Amino acid sequence: MTRSELRKKIMTILYQIDVYKHNKIAYEVDDVIKGVLEIDNDFVKDAVYGVLTNIDALDEKANTYLKNWTIDRLGYTDKAILRLGIYELLYTDTPDVVAINEAIDLAKLYSDDDVRKMINGVLDKIYHEKVDNEAR
């Protein structure tokens, strides 16, 4: 599987976990991963656990740049895409342009146009904040 295909799986896993949490359904992260992805994959595990470990910081960062919105108001799929994009931008070695483009590609497939633009705008602002901080 390509990294792009794996990101779709990560998005699905994060979506399912969010639905389970919202509906107060007990789950084990590894079981959710195994239910979506038959093979063991470190990229998927690292991303899923990374997003879940840093979810409060990711949501706070998203809320900083969402205009008249909070991440809570987004659909489960949109939240999963945005959280994964922010996580890859801030916590991984994935090149910034790849992290942004992959998130936008997922949004093109699974989100409506307005949400896609919102995700793009948030990731762009986070990218510029990151670049500005690195330049200091």
N, C-alpha and C. Protein backbone atom coordinates (compact mmCIF):
# COMPACT_ATOMS: atom_id res chain seq x y z
N MET A 1 0.84 -1.19 0.00
CA MET A 1 0.00 0.00 0.00
C MET A 1 0.88 1.25 0.00
N THR A 2 0.43 2.27 -0.71
CA THR A 2 1.15 3.53 -0.72
C THR A 2 0.83 4.30 0.56
N ARG A 3 1.63 5.31 0.83
CA ARG A 3 1.36 6.16 2.01
C ARG A 3 -0.01 6.84 1.86
N SER A 4 -0.36 7.23 0.65
CA SER A 4 -1.67 7.86 0.43
C SER A 4 -2.80 6.90 0.79
N GLU A 5 -2.66 5.64 0.38
CA GLU A 5 -3.68 4.64 0.72
C GLU A 5 -3.72 4.40 2.23
N LEU A 6 -2.54 4.40 2.86
CA LEU A 6 -2.48 4.22 4.30
C LEU A 6 -3.13 5.39 5.04
N ARG A 7 -2.98 6.60 4.50
CA ARG A 7 -3.63 7.76 5.13
C ARG A 7 -5.15 7.63 5.10
N LYS A 8 -5.70 7.04 4.04
CA LYS A 8 -7.14 6.79 4.00
C LYS A 8 -7.54 5.85 5.13
N LYS A 9 -6.72 4.84 5.37
CA LYS A 9 -6.98 3.90 6.46
C LYS A 9 -6.89 4.62 7.82
N ILE A 10 -5.88 5.47 7.98
CA ILE A 10 -5.72 6.23 9.22
C ILE A 10 -6.95 7.11 9.46
N MET A 11 -7.39 7.78 8.40
CA MET A 11 -8.58 8.63 8.50
C MET A 11 -9.78 7.80 8.96
N THR A 12 -9.95 6.62 8.39
CA THR A 12 -11.06 5.74 8.74
C THR A 12 -10.97 5.32 10.21
N ILE A 13 -9.78 4.97 10.64
CA ILE A 13 -9.57 4.56 12.04
C ILE A 13 -9.90 5.71 12.99
N LEU A 14 -9.38 6.90 12.68
CA LEU A 14 -9.65 8.07 13.54
C LEU A 14 -11.13 8.40 13.55
N TYR A 15 -11.79 8.27 12.39
CA TYR A 15 -13.23 8.47 12.29
C TYR A 15 -13.96 7.50 13.23
N GLN A 16 -13.62 6.22 13.13
CA GLN A 16 -14.30 5.22 13.95
C GLN A 16 -14.09 5.47 15.44
N ILE A 17 -12.88 5.81 15.82
CA ILE A 17 -12.60 6.07 17.23
C ILE A 17 -13.40 7.26 17.73
N ASP A 18 -13.51 8.31 16.91
CA ASP A 18 -14.28 9.47 17.29
C ASP A 18 -15.76 9.12 17.48
N VAL A 19 -16.29 8.28 16.59
CA VAL A 19 -17.68 7.84 16.71
C VAL A 19 -17.86 7.01 17.98
N TYR A 20 -16.93 6.11 18.25
CA TYR A 20 -17.00 5.30 19.47
C TYR A 20 -16.99 6.20 20.71
N LYS A 21 -16.08 7.17 20.73
CA LYS A 21 -15.99 8.08 21.88
C LYS A 21 -17.30 8.84 22.06
N HIS A 22 -17.81 9.39 20.95
CA HIS A 22 -19.04 10.18 21.01
C HIS A 22 -20.21 9.35 21.55
N ASN A 23 -20.27 8.10 21.15
CA ASN A 23 -21.37 7.22 21.56
C ASN A 23 -21.05 6.39 22.80
N LYS A 24 -19.92 6.71 23.44
CA LYS A 24 -19.49 6.04 24.67
C LYS A 24 -19.44 4.52 24.51
N ILE A 25 -18.87 4.10 23.38
CA ILE A 25 -18.69 2.68 23.08
C ILE A 25 -17.24 2.31 23.42
N ALA A 26 -17.07 1.27 24.20
CA ALA A 26 -15.72 0.83 24.57
C ALA A 26 -15.00 0.30 23.33
N TYR A 27 -13.71 0.57 23.26
CA TYR A 27 -12.91 0.10 22.13
C TYR A 27 -11.45 -0.01 22.57
N GLU A 28 -10.71 -0.80 21.83
CA GLU A 28 -9.26 -0.88 21.97
C GLU A 28 -8.69 -0.35 20.66
N VAL A 29 -7.76 0.56 20.75
CA VAL A 29 -7.20 1.19 19.55
C VAL A 29 -6.64 0.13 18.60
N ASP A 30 -5.88 -0.82 19.13
CA ASP A 30 -5.30 -1.85 18.27
C ASP A 30 -6.36 -2.67 17.55
N ASP A 31 -7.50 -2.91 18.22
CA ASP A 31 -8.59 -3.65 17.58
C ASP A 31 -9.21 -2.85 16.44
N VAL A 32 -9.35 -1.55 16.64
CA VAL A 32 -9.89 -0.70 15.57
C VAL A 32 -8.93 -0.70 14.39
N ILE A 33 -7.65 -0.59 14.67
CA ILE A 33 -6.65 -0.62 13.60
C ILE A 33 -6.73 -1.94 12.84
N LYS A 34 -6.76 -3.05 13.57
CA LYS A 34 -6.83 -4.38 12.92
C LYS A 34 -8.11 -4.56 12.12
N GLY A 35 -9.19 -3.93 12.55
CA GLY A 35 -10.45 -4.03 11.83
C GLY A 35 -10.42 -3.31 10.49
N VAL A 36 -9.55 -2.31 10.36
CA VAL A 36 -9.46 -1.53 9.13
C VAL A 36 -8.30 -1.99 8.26
N LEU A 37 -7.23 -2.42 8.91
CA LEU A 37 -6.01 -2.77 8.18
C LEU A 37 -5.55 -4.16 8.62
N GLU A 38 -5.58 -5.09 7.69
CA GLU A 38 -5.27 -6.48 8.02
C GLU A 38 -3.81 -6.68 8.40
N ILE A 39 -2.92 -5.89 7.81
CA ILE A 39 -1.49 -6.05 8.06
C ILE A 39 -1.03 -5.11 9.16
N ASP A 40 0.06 -5.47 9.80
CA ASP A 40 0.65 -4.61 10.82
C ASP A 40 1.48 -3.55 10.10
N ASN A 41 1.25 -2.28 10.42
CA ASN A 41 1.97 -1.21 9.73
C ASN A 41 2.35 -0.12 10.73
N ASP A 42 3.66 0.12 10.85
CA ASP A 42 4.15 1.11 11.82
C ASP A 42 3.71 2.53 11.47
N PHE A 43 3.67 2.87 10.19
CA PHE A 43 3.24 4.22 9.78
C PHE A 43 1.83 4.49 10.29
N VAL A 44 0.94 3.52 10.11
CA VAL A 44 -0.45 3.67 10.55
C VAL A 44 -0.52 3.76 12.07
N LYS A 45 0.14 2.84 12.76
CA LYS A 45 0.11 2.84 14.23
C LYS A 45 0.68 4.14 14.79
N ASP A 46 1.83 4.57 14.26
CA ASP A 46 2.46 5.79 14.74
C ASP A 46 1.54 6.99 14.55
N ALA A 47 0.89 7.07 13.40
CA ALA A 47 0.01 8.21 13.13
C ALA A 47 -1.24 8.17 14.01
N VAL A 48 -1.86 7.01 14.12
CA VAL A 48 -3.07 6.90 14.94
C VAL A 48 -2.76 7.23 16.39
N TYR A 49 -1.75 6.58 16.94
CA TYR A 49 -1.40 6.84 18.35
C TYR A 49 -0.89 8.26 18.53
N GLY A 50 -0.18 8.80 17.53
CA GLY A 50 0.30 10.17 17.61
C GLY A 50 -0.84 11.17 17.66
N VAL A 51 -1.84 10.97 16.81
CA VAL A 51 -3.00 11.87 16.82
C VAL A 51 -3.74 11.75 18.15
N LEU A 52 -3.97 10.52 18.59
CA LEU A 52 -4.73 10.33 19.84
C LEU A 52 -3.99 10.89 21.05
N THR A 53 -2.67 10.73 21.07
CA THR A 53 -1.87 11.24 22.18
C THR A 53 -1.88 12.77 22.22
N ASN A 54 -1.90 13.39 21.05
CA ASN A 54 -1.79 14.85 20.96
C ASN A 54 -3.10 15.52 20.59
N ILE A 55 -4.21 14.83 20.74
CA ILE A 55 -5.49 15.31 20.22
C ILE A 55 -5.88 16.68 20.78
N ASP A 56 -5.64 16.91 22.06
CA ASP A 56 -6.02 18.21 22.64
C ASP A 56 -5.21 19.34 22.02
N ALA A 57 -3.91 19.12 21.85
CA ALA A 57 -3.05 20.15 21.23
C ALA A 57 -3.42 20.35 19.76
N LEU A 58 -3.76 19.27 19.06
CA LEU A 58 -4.16 19.37 17.66
C LEU A 58 -5.45 20.17 17.52
N ASP A 59 -6.42 19.86 18.40
CA ASP A 59 -7.70 20.57 18.35
C ASP A 59 -7.52 22.05 18.72
N GLU A 60 -6.68 22.31 19.70
CA GLU A 60 -6.42 23.69 20.08
C GLU A 60 -5.79 24.47 18.92
N LYS A 61 -4.84 23.83 18.24
CA LYS A 61 -4.19 24.47 17.09
C LYS A 61 -5.21 24.72 15.98
N ALA A 62 -6.06 23.74 15.72
CA ALA A 62 -7.10 23.90 14.69
C ALA A 62 -8.04 25.04 15.05
N ASN A 63 -8.47 25.08 16.30
CA ASN A 63 -9.41 26.12 16.74
C ASN A 63 -8.82 27.52 16.64
N THR A 64 -7.51 27.62 16.76
CA THR A 64 -6.83 28.92 16.63
C THR A 64 -7.09 29.52 15.25
N TYR A 65 -7.18 28.66 14.24
CA TYR A 65 -7.27 29.16 12.86
C TYR A 65 -8.62 28.92 12.19
N LEU A 66 -9.54 28.25 12.85
CA LEU A 66 -10.88 28.09 12.27
C LEU A 66 -11.66 29.37 12.52
N LYS A 67 -12.11 30.00 11.46
CA LYS A 67 -12.87 31.26 11.56
C LYS A 67 -14.33 30.97 11.90
N ASN A 68 -14.79 31.51 13.04
CA ASN A 68 -16.18 31.36 13.47
C ASN A 68 -16.61 29.90 13.60
N TRP A 69 -15.67 29.02 13.84
CA TRP A 69 -15.94 27.59 13.98
C TRP A 69 -15.05 27.03 15.07
N THR A 70 -15.38 25.84 15.51
CA THR A 70 -14.46 25.04 16.31
C THR A 70 -14.43 23.65 15.67
N ILE A 71 -13.40 22.92 15.96
CA ILE A 71 -13.26 21.59 15.36
C ILE A 71 -14.42 20.68 15.75
N ASP A 72 -15.03 20.93 16.92
CA ASP A 72 -16.17 20.12 17.36
C ASP A 72 -17.34 20.17 16.38
N ARG A 73 -17.44 21.26 15.62
CA ARG A 73 -18.57 21.43 14.70
C ARG A 73 -18.35 20.72 13.37
N LEU A 74 -17.14 20.26 13.14
CA LEU A 74 -16.86 19.54 11.89
C LEU A 74 -17.38 18.11 11.99
N GLY A 75 -17.63 17.50 10.84
CA GLY A 75 -18.03 16.10 10.82
C GLY A 75 -16.86 15.20 11.21
N TYR A 76 -17.16 13.97 11.54
CA TYR A 76 -16.12 13.04 11.98
C TYR A 76 -15.01 12.87 10.94
N THR A 77 -15.39 12.75 9.69
CA THR A 77 -14.39 12.58 8.62
C THR A 77 -13.52 13.82 8.51
N ASP A 78 -14.13 14.99 8.54
CA ASP A 78 -13.39 16.24 8.41
C ASP A 78 -12.42 16.43 9.58
N LYS A 79 -12.88 16.08 10.78
CA LYS A 79 -12.00 16.17 11.95
C LYS A 79 -10.80 15.23 11.80
N ALA A 80 -11.06 14.03 11.34
CA ALA A 80 -9.97 13.05 11.17
C ALA A 80 -8.93 13.56 10.17
N ILE A 81 -9.40 14.13 9.06
CA ILE A 81 -8.49 14.64 8.04
C ILE A 81 -7.67 15.81 8.59
N LEU A 82 -8.34 16.73 9.25
CA LEU A 82 -7.65 17.92 9.77
C LEU A 82 -6.65 17.53 10.87
N ARG A 83 -7.06 16.66 11.77
CA ARG A 83 -6.15 16.24 12.84
C ARG A 83 -4.92 15.53 12.28
N LEU A 84 -5.13 14.66 11.30
CA LEU A 84 -4.00 13.96 10.69
C LEU A 84 -3.07 14.94 9.99
N GLY A 85 -3.64 15.90 9.26
CA GLY A 85 -2.82 16.89 8.57
C GLY A 85 -1.98 17.72 9.53
N ILE A 86 -2.61 18.18 10.60
CA ILE A 86 -1.88 18.98 11.60
C ILE A 86 -0.82 18.13 12.27
N TYR A 87 -1.18 16.90 12.61
CA TYR A 87 -0.21 16.00 13.25
C TYR A 87 1.02 15.82 12.36
N GLU A 88 0.79 15.52 11.09
CA GLU A 88 1.92 15.31 10.19
C GLU A 88 2.76 16.58 10.04
N LEU A 89 2.11 17.73 9.99
CA LEU A 89 2.85 18.99 9.88
C LEU A 89 3.73 19.26 11.09
N LEU A 90 3.20 19.03 12.27
CA LEU A 90 3.88 19.46 13.48
C LEU A 90 4.70 18.38 14.20
N TYR A 91 4.38 17.12 14.00
CA TYR A 91 5.00 16.08 14.81
C TYR A 91 5.77 15.01 14.03
N THR A 92 5.83 15.12 12.71
CA THR A 92 6.51 14.07 11.94
C THR A 92 7.54 14.67 11.00
N ASP A 93 8.29 13.79 10.39
CA ASP A 93 9.29 14.21 9.39
C ASP A 93 8.70 14.31 7.98
N THR A 94 7.41 14.09 7.85
CA THR A 94 6.77 14.23 6.54
C THR A 94 7.01 15.64 6.03
N PRO A 95 7.49 15.79 4.80
CA PRO A 95 7.67 17.15 4.27
C PRO A 95 6.35 17.93 4.34
N ASP A 96 6.46 19.20 4.72
CA ASP A 96 5.26 20.02 4.92
C ASP A 96 4.32 20.00 3.73
N VAL A 97 4.87 20.16 2.54
CA VAL A 97 4.03 20.21 1.34
C VAL A 97 3.30 18.88 1.14
N VAL A 98 3.94 17.77 1.48
CA VAL A 98 3.31 16.45 1.36
C VAL A 98 2.17 16.33 2.38
N ALA A 99 2.43 16.72 3.61
CA ALA A 99 1.39 16.64 4.66
C ALA A 99 0.15 17.44 4.25
N ILE A 100 0.37 18.65 3.74
CA ILE A 100 -0.76 19.49 3.32
C ILE A 100 -1.47 18.89 2.12
N ASN A 101 -0.71 18.51 1.10
CA ASN A 101 -1.33 17.96 -0.12
C ASN A 101 -2.10 16.68 0.15
N GLU A 102 -1.56 15.82 1.00
CA GLU A 102 -2.26 14.57 1.33
C GLU A 102 -3.58 14.85 2.04
N ALA A 103 -3.57 15.79 2.96
CA ALA A 103 -4.81 16.15 3.67
C ALA A 103 -5.83 16.74 2.70
N ILE A 104 -5.37 17.60 1.80
CA ILE A 104 -6.27 18.20 0.81
C ILE A 104 -6.83 17.14 -0.13
N ASP A 105 -5.98 16.19 -0.53
CA ASP A 105 -6.46 15.11 -1.39
C ASP A 105 -7.55 14.29 -0.70
N LEU A 106 -7.37 14.01 0.60
CA LEU A 106 -8.41 13.30 1.35
C LEU A 106 -9.68 14.15 1.42
N ALA A 107 -9.51 15.44 1.66
CA ALA A 107 -10.68 16.33 1.75
C ALA A 107 -11.41 16.41 0.41
N LYS A 108 -10.68 16.37 -0.69
CA LYS A 108 -11.32 16.38 -2.01
C LYS A 108 -12.20 15.15 -2.20
N LEU A 109 -11.75 14.03 -1.64
CA LEU A 109 -12.51 12.78 -1.78
C LEU A 109 -13.68 12.67 -0.81
N TYR A 110 -13.51 13.20 0.42
CA TYR A 110 -14.46 12.90 1.49
C TYR A 110 -15.19 14.11 2.09
N SER A 111 -14.78 15.31 1.74
CA SER A 111 -15.40 16.50 2.33
C SER A 111 -16.03 17.35 1.24
N ASP A 112 -16.95 18.22 1.64
CA ASP A 112 -17.50 19.12 0.63
C ASP A 112 -16.51 20.26 0.38
N ASP A 113 -16.78 21.03 -0.64
CA ASP A 113 -15.83 22.05 -1.10
C ASP A 113 -15.52 23.09 -0.04
N ASP A 114 -16.53 23.53 0.70
CA ASP A 114 -16.30 24.54 1.74
C ASP A 114 -15.39 24.01 2.85
N VAL A 115 -15.60 22.77 3.25
CA VAL A 115 -14.78 22.19 4.30
C VAL A 115 -13.35 21.96 3.77
N ARG A 116 -13.23 21.52 2.52
CA ARG A 116 -11.91 21.34 1.92
C ARG A 116 -11.13 22.64 1.96
N LYS A 117 -11.80 23.74 1.61
CA LYS A 117 -11.14 25.06 1.63
C LYS A 117 -10.77 25.44 3.07
N MET A 118 -11.63 25.11 4.02
CA MET A 118 -11.36 25.41 5.42
C MET A 118 -10.14 24.63 5.91
N ILE A 119 -10.08 23.35 5.58
CA ILE A 119 -8.93 22.51 5.96
C ILE A 119 -7.66 23.06 5.33
N ASN A 120 -7.73 23.40 4.06
CA ASN A 120 -6.58 23.97 3.37
C ASN A 120 -6.12 25.26 4.04
N GLY A 121 -7.05 26.12 4.39
CA GLY A 121 -6.71 27.39 5.03
C GLY A 121 -6.06 27.19 6.39
N VAL A 122 -6.60 26.29 7.19
CA VAL A 122 -6.04 26.02 8.52
C VAL A 122 -4.62 25.46 8.39
N LEU A 123 -4.44 24.48 7.53
CA LEU A 123 -3.11 23.87 7.36
C LEU A 123 -2.11 24.89 6.81
N ASP A 124 -2.56 25.74 5.91
CA ASP A 124 -1.67 26.78 5.36
C ASP A 124 -1.21 27.74 6.45
N LYS A 125 -2.13 28.15 7.31
CA LYS A 125 -1.78 29.08 8.40
C LYS A 125 -0.84 28.41 9.40
N ILE A 126 -1.08 27.15 9.71
CA ILE A 126 -0.19 26.43 10.63
C ILE A 126 1.20 26.28 10.00
N TYR A 127 1.22 25.98 8.71
CA TYR A 127 2.51 25.88 8.00
C TYR A 127 3.28 27.20 8.10
N HIS A 128 2.62 28.30 7.84
CA HIS A 128 3.30 29.61 7.88
C HIS A 128 3.74 29.96 9.30
N GLU A 129 2.94 29.61 10.29
CA GLU A 129 3.34 29.82 11.69
C GLU A 129 4.60 29.01 12.00
N LYS A 130 4.63 27.76 11.53
CA LYS A 130 5.77 26.87 11.75
C LYS A 130 7.03 27.44 11.09
N VAL A 131 6.90 27.88 9.84
CA VAL A 131 8.04 28.45 9.12
C VAL A 131 8.54 29.70 9.82
N ASP A 132 7.62 30.56 10.25
CA ASP A 132 8.01 31.79 10.95
C ASP A 132 8.75 31.48 12.25
N ASN A 133 8.26 30.47 12.99
CA ASN A 133 8.92 30.08 14.24
C ASN A 133 10.30 29.48 14.00
N GLU A 134 10.46 28.74 12.91
CA GLU A 134 11.75 28.14 12.59
C GLU A 134 12.76 29.20 12.14
N ALA A 135 12.26 30.28 11.57
CA ALA A 135 13.14 31.35 11.07
C ALA A 135 13.72 32.18 12.20
N ARG A 136 13.09 32.13 13.37
CA ARG A 136 13.55 32.94 14.51
C ARG A 136 14.76 32.37 15.17
